[in-house]
Structures are given as C-alpha cells and as structure tokens.
Amino acid sequence: MPTKSDYLRFTHGTLQTPVHHYTHPTTGRRITMIGTVHMGDAEYYAALRTVIDDLEAGGAAVQYEGASLLPYDEQDATDEERTVLTTFELKKDLERQRITELGLARQADALDCPDRWRIADLDMLEITRRVGTETMLRGEMRGIKAFDRPAGDPRAIERLRLRLHFIFVAFRVAVWSNAKRVSGTRRPSNGADVVLIDQRNEVALQGLWSTEQDVVMIWGCAHLPGLGAGIADRGFVRTGVTEWHTAVDLPSIPTILSRLRALARATRTSGTDGAEAVTPPRRRSPGPTRDRRHAESEALTVGSSL
C-alpha cells in the first residue's frame, strides 16, 4: 500500500523524487518510472540522466512527458486559445529567469530530450481545449504571479526561496491527494486535473503499451500514482528498492529570514528606498478548504509545469 512518502519527499527543506521499478512476472518486461520535479539542482538532472543512459544502454526505450515540446497548428487556434498559449510562453520565460537566479535549473533545459526519446503526451493546444481557455489562463497567470519578482533583487530571491518551502509542502499534499483519488479514498476530481493529470496519464499508458520493449518513463511526480496504478493493472509488480534523488536542498526558514533581515538592515543603512518588513507566508490549513485547493493548484503550477 503506497504511503505519503512513496511519490515525493520534502523534509527540512530537502525535496526528493523517486525512481520506481516494475517487472512483469511472466514476460520479464521491465518498466522504470522516474518521477521528477521541473526545477532542481543541475546535479539532480545529471544524476537522473545517468540512470536513463544506463537503462537505454541496456536496451530500454524512453518515453517522456513534454506537452510543450509537441508541435501544434497555431493557425487552427482561436484568439482565446492563442492568448493562453502566448501567456504560457511568457510564464516559461519568467520561470527560467527566476529559477536561474535561485541557482537552480529547469528540467527542460538540464535534462534535454533527444530525438530518440518518444514524447507520449497531449500537445498544449489540445490541453487548452480540453481544460477550457478561462481555466487555463487563470492557471498560467498564477504561475506568472508565483515568479513575478524584481529581477536581480537579492531580497526578492530570498523571498522566493522562502515561498518555495510552502509551495513544496503544498505540492507534496497535492501529489498525495492524487494518490488517494487513484486508490478511491478521495472523491474523483471534476476539474482541470482530469485533463492535466488523468487524461495525460492515459496517453502515456497508451504509448507504453504500444511497444513490448523495456521502457523508461519520465514524468512529474503528480502523475506517478495514476501511472503506477495503470501499470499494476497489467500485472506488473513493484520490484527492487526505490531510489531517491535530491532535487532541491533549500536553506532553512530561519536562515532565509536571517538573510532577509540582514538585507533589510543593509538597505536602510545605504538609504535605499523600498525596504519591506519580512513576514513568512502563512501556512494553509490541511483541511479540504478552498485555500487548500488553491495552494495545491499553485504547487502543481510551479512543481509540475507542462
């Protein structure tokens, strides 16, 4: 029975993602599920790439999450759909800038996607149509808001590090909520997650069953519960030991607050305007409230981009 820490770990500022191994007891076919977050240390992605390269060398094919990497016919899009797609690109550029300032890397840049890897996913235009333009636009705007900080401002960088503590907690909750939905212990979703998680999982599984090769699947951690259930339904069993890879190791909250106070003092001493009081974000209630759902949505936006 999966546990809360089966798909993602976040403890004392350290975010870790798993590698799960599945084997079919009759055919011997092997499936390796590599869970990811879409921002992390460069060393994290280098370690994952080593795992992938070793499995490829052993004959496995690679299937990759990558909605934003798939082509679509822009001429076929409506004005509202083009607005969503343009906003998505703006969010991606802003995300890249802020993640670089944090000393981190984006998965799309650090892990890369060679032509030999197969992308088994919905494209962005199809996702936009299934979710709806209004809902998609709200989600992209939340992503922009999460990363909208003054460029090069050391206080803004530390505030973003502080916010990541709370976003990663919410992301862990969101991943576990998906696991409970899959197991039937939580009410099925009727929102955007049906498309962003469930329907994209269906496409990934269709790609998986289209070949008899061993396969390496690379997907964000929010997808792992549903993908794992789909694999188990075909008779595969989890084997071996779960490998954990450290994606991000944040400074502690007290350390970040201390840095912010020091920066505020330095700003006052230098006479620069704009020093602000430092107040850590309020932790959301763990209950099934609207605030919690909003926190989970923001976490998925930041931790599991398309």
Protein backbone atom coordinates (compact mmCIF):
# COMPACT_ATOMS: atom_id res chain seq x y z
CA MET A 1 0.00 0.00 0.00
CA PRO A 2 1.55 3.36 -1.03
CA THR A 3 2.40 5.83 1.70
CA LYS A 4 2.59 9.62 1.76
CA SER A 5 6.32 9.47 1.08
CA ASP A 6 6.07 6.99 -1.78
CA TYR A 7 5.91 9.57 -4.58
CA LEU A 8 7.67 12.66 -3.20
CA ARG A 9 9.62 13.62 -0.08
CA PHE A 10 10.03 17.08 1.34
CA THR A 11 11.62 17.26 4.79
CA HIS A 12 13.62 20.08 6.39
CA GLY A 13 13.99 21.88 3.08
CA THR A 14 15.14 18.83 1.09
CA LEU A 15 12.97 17.80 -1.86
CA GLN A 16 13.47 14.27 -3.21
CA THR A 17 11.90 12.33 -6.08
CA PRO A 18 11.74 8.55 -6.59
CA VAL A 19 12.68 6.01 -9.21
CA HIS A 20 10.26 3.04 -9.14
CA HIS A 21 10.93 -0.28 -10.85
CA TYR A 22 8.22 -2.59 -12.20
CA THR A 23 8.61 -6.09 -13.62
CA HIS A 24 6.07 -8.39 -15.25
CA PRO A 25 6.32 -11.79 -13.52
CA THR A 26 5.51 -13.74 -16.70
CA THR A 27 7.20 -11.85 -19.53
CA GLY A 28 10.03 -10.32 -17.52
CA ARG A 29 9.41 -6.97 -19.18
CA ARG A 30 10.71 -4.04 -17.08
CA ILE A 31 9.34 -0.55 -16.69
CA THR A 32 11.28 2.13 -14.84
CA MET A 33 9.26 5.10 -13.63
CA ILE A 34 11.38 8.19 -12.99
CA GLY A 35 9.49 10.84 -11.04
CA THR A 36 10.65 14.42 -11.50
CA VAL A 37 10.06 17.98 -10.44
CA HIS A 38 10.56 20.56 -13.12
CA MET A 39 13.06 22.73 -11.26
CA GLY A 40 16.08 21.48 -9.37
CA ASP A 41 19.83 21.46 -8.97
CA ALA A 42 21.83 20.80 -12.13
CA GLU A 43 23.42 17.83 -10.31
CA TYR A 44 19.95 16.34 -9.80
CA TYR A 45 19.25 16.22 -13.51
CA ALA A 46 22.75 14.96 -14.25
CA ALA A 47 22.15 12.05 -11.85
CA LEU A 48 18.80 11.26 -13.47
CA ARG A 49 20.40 11.38 -16.91
CA THR A 50 22.99 8.83 -15.77
CA VAL A 51 20.18 6.48 -14.68
CA ILE A 52 18.39 6.97 -18.01
CA ASP A 53 21.54 6.49 -20.11
CA ASP A 54 22.40 3.25 -18.29
CA LEU A 55 18.90 1.85 -18.89
CA GLU A 56 19.00 2.92 -22.55
CA ALA A 57 22.34 1.17 -22.93
CA GLY A 58 20.60 -1.98 -21.67
CA GLY A 59 18.01 -1.76 -24.46
CA ALA A 60 15.19 0.26 -22.88
CA ALA A 61 13.20 2.84 -24.82
CA VAL A 62 12.49 6.24 -23.23
CA GLN A 63 9.08 7.90 -23.08
CA TYR A 64 8.97 11.48 -21.87
CA GLU A 65 6.41 13.96 -20.55
CA GLY A 66 6.54 17.01 -22.77
CA ALA A 67 3.32 18.75 -23.76
CA SER A 68 5.20 21.98 -24.52
CA LEU A 69 7.60 20.13 -26.84
CA LEU A 70 4.92 18.78 -29.15
CA PRO A 71 4.01 20.75 -32.30
CA TYR A 72 0.51 22.04 -32.94
CA ASP A 73 -1.19 24.02 -35.71
CA GLU A 74 -1.31 27.61 -34.43
CA GLN A 75 -3.45 28.62 -37.41
CA ASP A 76 -6.12 26.29 -36.09
CA ALA A 77 -6.26 28.08 -32.72
CA THR A 78 -8.88 30.66 -31.79
CA ASP A 79 -7.89 34.10 -30.48
CA GLU A 80 -8.66 32.98 -26.93
CA GLU A 81 -6.52 29.86 -27.34
CA ARG A 82 -3.64 31.92 -28.76
CA THR A 83 -3.84 34.19 -25.70
CA VAL A 84 -3.43 31.15 -23.42
CA LEU A 85 -0.52 29.79 -25.46
CA THR A 86 1.23 33.17 -25.54
CA THR A 87 0.78 33.57 -21.78
CA PHE A 88 2.22 30.09 -21.28
CA GLU A 89 5.36 31.09 -23.19
CA LEU A 90 5.67 34.29 -21.12
CA LYS A 91 5.36 32.27 -17.93
CA LYS A 92 8.02 29.84 -19.14
CA ASP A 93 10.49 32.66 -19.87
CA LEU A 94 9.85 34.31 -16.49
CA GLU A 95 10.17 30.95 -14.74
CA ARG A 96 13.53 30.33 -16.41
CA GLN A 97 14.86 33.73 -15.27
CA ARG A 98 13.81 33.30 -11.65
CA ILE A 99 14.95 29.69 -11.41
CA THR A 100 18.38 30.72 -12.72
CA GLU A 101 18.58 33.48 -10.07
CA LEU A 102 17.92 30.81 -7.44
CA GLY A 103 20.90 28.84 -8.72
CA LEU A 104 18.60 26.08 -10.00
CA ALA A 105 17.87 24.64 -13.44
CA ARG A 106 14.71 23.85 -15.40
CA GLN A 107 14.18 20.22 -16.33
CA ALA A 108 13.52 21.14 -19.97
CA ASP A 109 16.96 22.79 -20.18
CA ALA A 110 19.04 20.49 -17.97
CA LEU A 111 17.65 17.05 -18.83
CA ASP A 112 17.07 17.78 -22.53
CA CYS A 113 15.02 15.49 -24.78
CA PRO A 114 16.98 13.75 -27.56
CA ASP A 115 15.16 12.97 -30.78
CA ARG A 116 15.28 9.25 -29.98
CA TRP A 117 13.06 9.74 -26.92
CA ARG A 118 9.35 9.47 -27.58
CA ILE A 119 7.04 12.15 -26.19
CA ALA A 120 3.78 10.47 -25.17
CA ASP A 121 1.61 13.41 -24.16
CA LEU A 122 -1.12 15.80 -25.27
CA ASP A 123 0.04 18.98 -27.01
CA MET A 124 -0.61 22.38 -25.46
CA LEU A 125 -3.42 23.33 -27.84
CA GLU A 126 -5.29 20.11 -27.13
CA ILE A 127 -4.81 20.56 -23.38
CA THR A 128 -6.11 24.13 -23.63
CA ARG A 129 -9.21 22.96 -25.48
CA ARG A 130 -9.97 20.16 -23.04
CA VAL A 131 -9.42 22.26 -19.91
CA GLY A 132 -11.03 25.43 -21.30
CA THR A 133 -9.38 28.75 -22.11
CA GLU A 134 -10.58 30.59 -18.97
CA THR A 135 -9.34 27.90 -16.58
CA MET A 136 -6.04 27.54 -18.43
CA LEU A 137 -5.46 31.29 -18.47
CA ARG A 138 -6.07 31.52 -14.72
CA GLY A 139 -3.55 28.76 -14.15
CA GLU A 140 -0.89 30.41 -16.30
CA MET A 141 -1.44 33.74 -14.55
CA ARG A 142 -0.95 32.02 -11.18
CA GLY A 143 2.35 30.70 -12.48
CA ILE A 144 3.40 34.20 -13.57
CA LYS A 145 2.42 35.59 -10.17
CA ALA A 146 4.49 32.95 -8.39
CA PHE A 147 7.65 34.02 -10.25
CA ASP A 148 6.92 37.73 -10.66
CA ARG A 149 9.73 39.24 -8.61
CA PRO A 150 12.11 42.14 -9.36
CA ALA A 151 14.99 40.80 -11.42
CA GLY A 152 18.34 40.80 -9.62
CA ASP A 153 16.89 41.94 -6.28
CA PRO A 154 18.55 39.80 -3.57
CA ARG A 155 15.57 40.31 -1.24
CA ALA A 156 13.19 39.06 -3.92
CA ILE A 157 15.37 35.98 -4.44
CA GLU A 158 15.33 35.16 -0.72
CA ARG A 159 11.56 35.73 -0.55
CA LEU A 160 11.12 33.29 -3.42
CA ARG A 161 13.27 30.71 -1.59
CA LEU A 162 11.04 31.21 1.44
CA ARG A 163 7.92 30.78 -0.67
CA LEU A 164 9.29 27.57 -2.17
CA HIS A 165 9.22 25.97 1.29
CA PHE A 166 5.46 26.42 1.40
CA ILE A 167 4.92 25.61 -2.27
CA PHE A 168 6.80 22.31 -1.91
CA VAL A 169 4.71 21.39 1.14
CA ALA A 170 1.56 22.08 -0.87
CA PHE A 171 2.97 20.10 -3.80
CA ARG A 172 3.56 17.12 -1.51
CA VAL A 173 -0.07 17.38 -0.36
CA ALA A 174 -1.28 17.62 -3.97
CA VAL A 175 0.68 14.51 -5.00
CA TRP A 176 -0.72 12.54 -2.07
CA SER A 177 -4.23 13.78 -2.91
CA ASN A 178 -3.78 12.36 -6.40
CA ALA A 179 -2.72 9.05 -4.86
CA LYS A 180 -5.88 8.99 -2.74
CA ARG A 181 -8.02 9.74 -5.79
CA VAL A 182 -6.43 6.83 -7.62
CA SER A 183 -6.96 4.48 -4.66
CA GLY A 184 -10.60 5.57 -4.33
CA THR A 185 -10.20 7.04 -0.84
CA ARG A 186 -10.81 10.58 -2.11
CA ARG A 187 -13.61 11.90 -4.30
CA PRO A 188 -12.71 11.89 -8.03
CA SER A 189 -11.74 15.27 -9.46
CA ASN A 190 -14.05 17.03 -11.88
CA GLY A 191 -11.72 19.98 -12.52
CA ALA A 192 -8.66 20.66 -14.64
CA ASP A 193 -6.83 17.71 -13.05
CA VAL A 194 -8.97 15.37 -15.13
CA VAL A 195 -7.08 16.66 -18.17
CA LEU A 196 -3.76 17.79 -16.69
CA ILE A 197 -3.24 14.53 -14.79
CA ASP A 198 -5.69 11.76 -15.68
CA GLN A 199 -6.10 12.17 -19.44
CA ARG A 200 -2.40 12.79 -19.97
CA ASN A 201 -1.71 9.63 -17.96
CA GLU A 202 -3.99 7.74 -20.36
CA VAL A 203 -1.93 8.97 -23.32
CA ALA A 204 1.29 7.98 -21.56
CA LEU A 205 -0.03 4.48 -20.85
CA GLN A 206 -1.18 4.07 -24.45
CA GLY A 207 2.37 4.87 -25.52
CA LEU A 208 3.71 2.38 -23.00
CA TRP A 209 1.54 -0.47 -24.32
CA SER A 210 2.37 0.35 -27.96
CA THR A 211 5.73 -1.41 -27.58
CA GLU A 212 6.95 -4.63 -25.98
CA GLN A 213 10.36 -3.14 -25.11
CA ASP A 214 11.53 -2.32 -21.64
CA VAL A 215 10.63 1.33 -21.11
CA VAL A 216 11.85 4.25 -19.02
CA MET A 217 9.00 6.68 -18.28
CA ILE A 218 9.95 10.22 -17.19
CA TRP A 219 7.03 12.09 -15.63
CA GLY A 220 6.34 14.67 -12.96
CA CYS A 221 5.66 13.21 -9.52
CA ALA A 222 1.99 14.24 -9.60
CA HIS A 223 1.47 11.64 -12.35
CA LEU A 224 3.12 8.71 -10.57
CA PRO A 225 0.10 7.37 -8.61
CA GLY A 226 -2.11 7.08 -11.71
CA LEU A 227 0.65 5.73 -13.93
CA GLY A 228 1.67 3.21 -11.28
CA ALA A 229 -1.94 2.00 -10.95
CA GLY A 230 -2.24 1.62 -14.73
CA ILE A 231 0.97 -0.40 -14.84
CA ALA A 232 -0.16 -2.62 -11.96
CA ASP A 233 -3.46 -3.28 -13.74
CA ARG A 234 -1.46 -5.01 -16.49
CA GLY A 235 0.06 -7.43 -14.00
CA PHE A 236 3.34 -5.65 -13.28
CA VAL A 237 4.67 -5.60 -9.73
CA ARG A 238 6.99 -3.16 -7.99
CA THR A 239 10.42 -4.70 -7.59
CA GLY A 240 13.75 -3.75 -6.10
CA VAL A 241 14.46 -0.76 -3.92
CA THR A 242 13.11 2.71 -4.61
CA GLU A 243 15.95 5.09 -5.45
CA TRP A 244 15.65 8.65 -4.15
CA HIS A 245 17.28 11.65 -5.80
CA THR A 246 17.61 15.06 -4.15
CA ALA A 247 16.18 17.73 -6.44
CA VAL A 248 16.45 20.80 -4.20
CA ASP A 249 18.07 21.45 -0.84
CA LEU A 250 16.69 24.78 0.40
CA PRO A 251 18.25 26.78 3.24
CA SER A 252 16.19 26.54 6.42
CA ILE A 253 13.42 29.06 7.03
CA PRO A 254 15.34 30.67 9.96
CA THR A 255 18.39 31.03 7.71
CA ILE A 256 16.36 32.71 4.96
CA LEU A 257 14.68 35.05 7.44
CA SER A 258 18.07 35.97 8.88
CA ARG A 259 19.35 36.79 5.39
CA LEU A 260 16.29 38.94 4.72
CA ARG A 261 16.77 40.89 7.96
CA ALA A 262 20.42 41.46 7.09
CA LEU A 263 19.47 42.70 3.62
CA ALA A 264 16.82 44.99 5.12
CA ARG A 265 19.39 46.47 7.54
CA ALA A 266 21.87 46.97 4.70
CA THR A 267 19.18 48.70 2.65
CA ARG A 268 18.30 51.08 5.49
CA THR A 269 21.96 51.83 6.11
CA SER A 270 22.57 52.64 2.46
CA GLY A 271 19.46 54.82 2.37
CA THR A 272 17.87 52.86 -0.47
CA ASP A 273 14.09 53.11 -0.59
CA GLY A 274 11.81 50.12 -0.69
CA ALA A 275 12.84 48.07 2.34
CA GLU A 276 9.91 45.92 3.40
CA ALA A 277 9.03 44.07 6.60
CA VAL A 278 9.70 40.36 6.43
CA THR A 279 6.79 38.09 7.27
CA PRO A 280 6.81 34.41 6.36
CA PRO A 281 3.81 33.19 4.34
CA ARG A 282 1.01 31.79 6.49
CA ARG A 283 0.76 28.03 6.35
CA ARG A 284 -2.50 26.82 4.86
CA SER A 285 -4.95 24.69 6.78
CA PRO A 286 -4.64 20.98 5.92
CA GLY A 287 -8.43 20.69 5.75
CA PRO A 288 -10.36 20.31 2.48
CA THR A 289 -10.92 24.05 2.13
CA ARG A 290 -10.86 26.43 -0.82
CA ASP A 291 -7.50 27.77 0.44
CA ARG A 292 -6.01 24.32 0.37
CA ARG A 293 -7.25 23.68 -3.16
CA HIS A 294 -5.72 27.00 -4.26
CA ALA A 295 -2.39 26.09 -2.61
CA GLU A 296 -2.40 22.69 -4.32
CA SER A 297 -3.16 24.35 -7.67
CA GLU A 298 -0.28 26.81 -7.27
CA ALA A 299 2.05 23.99 -6.23
CA LEU A 300 1.20 21.94 -9.30
CA THR A 301 1.72 25.03 -11.45
CA VAL A 302 5.22 25.57 -10.05
CA GLY A 303 6.26 22.00 -9.33
CA SER A 304 4.84 20.23 -12.35
CA SER A 305 4.90 22.59 -15.32
CA LEU A 306 3.98 21.33 -18.76
